[in-house]
Amino acid sequence: METDFSFKNLGLFRKIYVIFMWCALGFIFIYQTIEPNGAIYFHGSAFVLMPLLLTWVTYAIVKRKTYQLLVFSALHCFPGFSGLVAIILFCIFIVTKRELRTLECRAAGNNE
């Protein structure tokens, strides 16, 4: 099953989530540079790690990597992470799994 997965053919819910997360990261970086002693504390490595992690999550969402989405969802269940993000990522996992199953059924129907 060869399917061209891209941001363009994501559903609205997943597009909104990806755009929101990148905008939130940009806001945090801008706020931190304007107010270095603000309420949001960033260690220097966070300026590298957060974009890398968000890039990985974006890749998993766009390329429909269900196992990676499930792992990210489980990681956000740990203390110190956002439970809401865990729920959102799990919902994205479910939507993605359903989409992939539909594509497999269509491919199987066309092959018979």
C-alpha atoms as a PDB file:
ATOM      1  CA  MET A   1       0.000   0.000   0.000  1.00  0.00           C
ATOM      2  CA  GLU A   2       1.770   3.114  -1.251  1.00  0.00           C
ATOM      3  CA  THR A   3       0.090   6.325  -0.155  1.00  0.00           C
ATOM      4  CA  ASP A   4       1.540   9.811  -0.264  1.00  0.00           C
ATOM      5  CA  PHE A   5       1.050  11.095   3.270  1.00  0.00           C
ATOM      6  CA  SER A   6       1.652  14.813   3.693  1.00  0.00           C
ATOM      7  CA  PHE A   7       0.462  17.764   5.736  1.00  0.00           C
ATOM      8  CA  LYS A   8      -1.830  18.738   2.867  1.00  0.00           C
ATOM      9  CA  ASN A   9      -3.936  15.576   3.146  1.00  0.00           C
ATOM     10  CA  LEU A  10      -4.222  15.591   6.950  1.00  0.00           C
ATOM     11  CA  GLY A  11      -7.647  16.086   8.441  1.00  0.00           C
ATOM     12  CA  LEU A  12      -8.610  19.453   9.924  1.00  0.00           C
ATOM     13  CA  PHE A  13      -8.234  18.294  13.555  1.00  0.00           C
ATOM     14  CA  ARG A  14      -4.651  17.107  13.045  1.00  0.00           C
ATOM     15  CA  LYS A  15      -3.703  20.204  11.030  1.00  0.00           C
ATOM     16  CA  ILE A  16      -5.029  22.502  13.757  1.00  0.00           C
ATOM     17  CA  TYR A  17      -3.111  20.577  16.428  1.00  0.00           C
ATOM     18  CA  VAL A  18       0.204  20.702  14.530  1.00  0.00           C
ATOM     19  CA  ILE A  19      -0.169  24.408  13.724  1.00  0.00           C
ATOM     20  CA  PHE A  20      -1.166  25.213  17.312  1.00  0.00           C
ATOM     21  CA  MET A  21       1.824  23.368  18.782  1.00  0.00           C
ATOM     22  CA  TRP A  22       4.311  25.149  16.494  1.00  0.00           C
ATOM     23  CA  CYS A  23       2.696  28.534  17.236  1.00  0.00           C
ATOM     24  CA  ALA A  24       2.800  27.807  20.968  1.00  0.00           C
ATOM     25  CA  LEU A  25       6.485  26.903  20.734  1.00  0.00           C
ATOM     26  CA  GLY A  26       7.174  30.118  18.820  1.00  0.00           C
ATOM     27  CA  PHE A  27       5.278  32.127  21.435  1.00  0.00           C
ATOM     28  CA  ILE A  28       7.274  30.507  24.247  1.00  0.00           C
ATOM     29  CA  PHE A  29      10.580  31.273  22.514  1.00  0.00           C
ATOM     30  CA  ILE A  30       9.589  34.884  21.823  1.00  0.00           C
ATOM     31  CA  TYR A  31       8.336  35.366  25.377  1.00  0.00           C
ATOM     32  CA  GLN A  32      11.501  33.858  26.819  1.00  0.00           C
ATOM     33  CA  THR A  33      13.757  36.172  24.797  1.00  0.00           C
ATOM     34  CA  ILE A  34      11.720  39.257  25.764  1.00  0.00           C
ATOM     35  CA  GLU A  35      11.314  38.265  29.449  1.00  0.00           C
ATOM     36  CA  PRO A  36      14.298  36.037  30.333  1.00  0.00           C
ATOM     37  CA  ASN A  37      13.259  36.048  34.016  1.00  0.00           C
ATOM     38  CA  GLY A  38       9.602  35.381  33.211  1.00  0.00           C
ATOM     39  CA  ALA A  39       7.362  32.682  34.606  1.00  0.00           C
ATOM     40  CA  ILE A  40       8.406  30.215  31.932  1.00  0.00           C
ATOM     41  CA  TYR A  41      11.854  28.866  32.723  1.00  0.00           C
ATOM     42  CA  PHE A  42      13.871  27.313  29.960  1.00  0.00           C
ATOM     43  CA  HIS A  43      17.175  25.601  30.325  1.00  0.00           C
ATOM     44  CA  GLY A  44      19.455  26.248  27.352  1.00  0.00           C
ATOM     45  CA  SER A  45      19.067  22.697  26.069  1.00  0.00           C
ATOM     46  CA  ALA A  46      15.288  23.160  25.863  1.00  0.00           C
ATOM     47  CA  PHE A  47      15.808  25.518  22.931  1.00  0.00           C
ATOM     48  CA  VAL A  48      17.213  22.528  21.043  1.00  0.00           C
ATOM     49  CA  LEU A  49      15.232  19.637  22.543  1.00  0.00           C
ATOM     50  CA  MET A  50      11.740  21.107  22.280  1.00  0.00           C
ATOM     51  CA  PRO A  51      11.910  21.837  18.521  1.00  0.00           C
ATOM     52  CA  LEU A  52      13.433  18.390  17.926  1.00  0.00           C
ATOM     53  CA  LEU A  53      10.681  16.672  19.905  1.00  0.00           C
ATOM     54  CA  LEU A  54       8.004  18.727  18.176  1.00  0.00           C
ATOM     55  CA  THR A  55       9.548  17.920  14.794  1.00  0.00           C
ATOM     56  CA  TRP A  56       9.404  14.217  15.680  1.00  0.00           C
ATOM     57  CA  VAL A  57       5.756  14.459  16.807  1.00  0.00           C
ATOM     58  CA  THR A  58       4.884  16.395  13.643  1.00  0.00           C
ATOM     59  CA  TYR A  59       6.596  13.731  11.527  1.00  0.00           C
ATOM     60  CA  ALA A  60       4.672  10.976  13.347  1.00  0.00           C
ATOM     61  CA  ILE A  61       1.366  12.788  12.763  1.00  0.00           C
ATOM     62  CA  VAL A  62       1.985  13.702   9.121  1.00  0.00           C
ATOM     63  CA  LYS A  63       3.415  10.308   8.102  1.00  0.00           C
ATOM     64  CA  ARG A  64       0.759   8.439  10.117  1.00  0.00           C
ATOM     65  CA  LYS A  65       3.210   6.541  12.344  1.00  0.00           C
ATOM     66  CA  THR A  66       0.696   4.955  14.711  1.00  0.00           C
ATOM     67  CA  TYR A  67       3.208   3.246  17.000  1.00  0.00           C
ATOM     68  CA  GLN A  68       5.109   6.504  17.544  1.00  0.00           C
ATOM     69  CA  LEU A  69       1.852   8.352  18.255  1.00  0.00           C
ATOM     70  CA  LEU A  70       0.929   5.739  20.840  1.00  0.00           C
ATOM     71  CA  VAL A  71       4.357   6.072  22.495  1.00  0.00           C
ATOM     72  CA  PHE A  72       4.087   9.872  22.608  1.00  0.00           C
ATOM     73  CA  SER A  73       0.618   9.585  24.080  1.00  0.00           C
ATOM     74  CA  ALA A  74       1.868   7.183  26.770  1.00  0.00           C
ATOM     75  CA  LEU A  75       4.854   9.414  27.584  1.00  0.00           C
ATOM     76  CA  HIS A  76       2.553  12.342  28.257  1.00  0.00           C
ATOM     77  CA  CYS A  77       0.790  10.304  30.956  1.00  0.00           C
ATOM     78  CA  PHE A  78       3.837  10.587  33.217  1.00  0.00           C
ATOM     79  CA  PRO A  79       3.901  13.272  35.922  1.00  0.00           C
ATOM     80  CA  GLY A  80       5.289  16.561  34.680  1.00  0.00           C
ATOM     81  CA  PHE A  81       3.745  16.136  31.235  1.00  0.00           C
ATOM     82  CA  SER A  82       0.350  17.313  30.084  1.00  0.00           C
ATOM     83  CA  GLY A  83      -2.488  14.847  30.458  1.00  0.00           C
ATOM     84  CA  LEU A  84      -4.523  16.872  27.970  1.00  0.00           C
ATOM     85  CA  VAL A  85      -1.812  16.431  25.339  1.00  0.00           C
ATOM     86  CA  ALA A  86      -1.838  12.692  26.068  1.00  0.00           C
ATOM     87  CA  ILE A  87      -5.577  12.589  25.364  1.00  0.00           C
ATOM     88  CA  ILE A  88      -5.203  14.679  22.187  1.00  0.00           C
ATOM     89  CA  LEU A  89      -2.362  12.494  20.899  1.00  0.00           C
ATOM     90  CA  PHE A  90      -4.369   9.365  21.673  1.00  0.00           C
ATOM     91  CA  CYS A  91      -7.324  10.789  19.723  1.00  0.00           C
ATOM     92  CA  ILE A  92      -4.957  11.530  16.828  1.00  0.00           C
ATOM     93  CA  PHE A  93      -3.727   7.926  17.107  1.00  0.00           C
ATOM     94  CA  ILE A  94      -7.314   6.636  16.869  1.00  0.00           C
ATOM     95  CA  VAL A  95      -8.150   8.859  13.876  1.00  0.00           C
ATOM     96  CA  THR A  96      -4.934   7.832  12.125  1.00  0.00           C
ATOM     97  CA  LYS A  97      -5.522   4.128  12.813  1.00  0.00           C
ATOM     98  CA  ARG A  98      -9.037   4.416  11.407  1.00  0.00           C
ATOM     99  CA  GLU A  99      -7.736   6.244   8.325  1.00  0.00           C
ATOM    100  CA  LEU A 100      -5.092   3.597   7.681  1.00  0.00           C
ATOM    101  CA  ARG A 101      -7.622   0.793   8.108  1.00  0.00           C
ATOM    102  CA  THR A 102      -9.934   2.469   5.576  1.00  0.00           C
ATOM    103  CA  LEU A 103      -7.066   2.816   3.096  1.00  0.00           C
ATOM    104  CA  GLU A 104      -6.159  -0.864   3.558  1.00  0.00           C
ATOM    105  CA  CYS A 105      -9.767  -1.925   2.938  1.00  0.00           C
ATOM    106  CA  ARG A 106      -9.923   0.169  -0.225  1.00  0.00           C
ATOM    107  CA  ALA A 107      -6.616  -1.271  -1.435  1.00  0.00           C
ATOM    108  CA  ALA A 108      -7.793  -4.828  -0.713  1.00  0.00           C
ATOM    109  CA  GLY A 109     -11.054  -4.158  -2.546  1.00  0.00           C
ATOM    110  CA  ASN A 110      -9.215  -2.883  -5.606  1.00  0.00           C
ATOM    111  CA  ASN A 111      -6.855  -5.882  -5.707  1.00  0.00           C
ATOM    112  CA  GLU A 112      -9.598  -8.510  -5.794  1.00  0.00           C
END
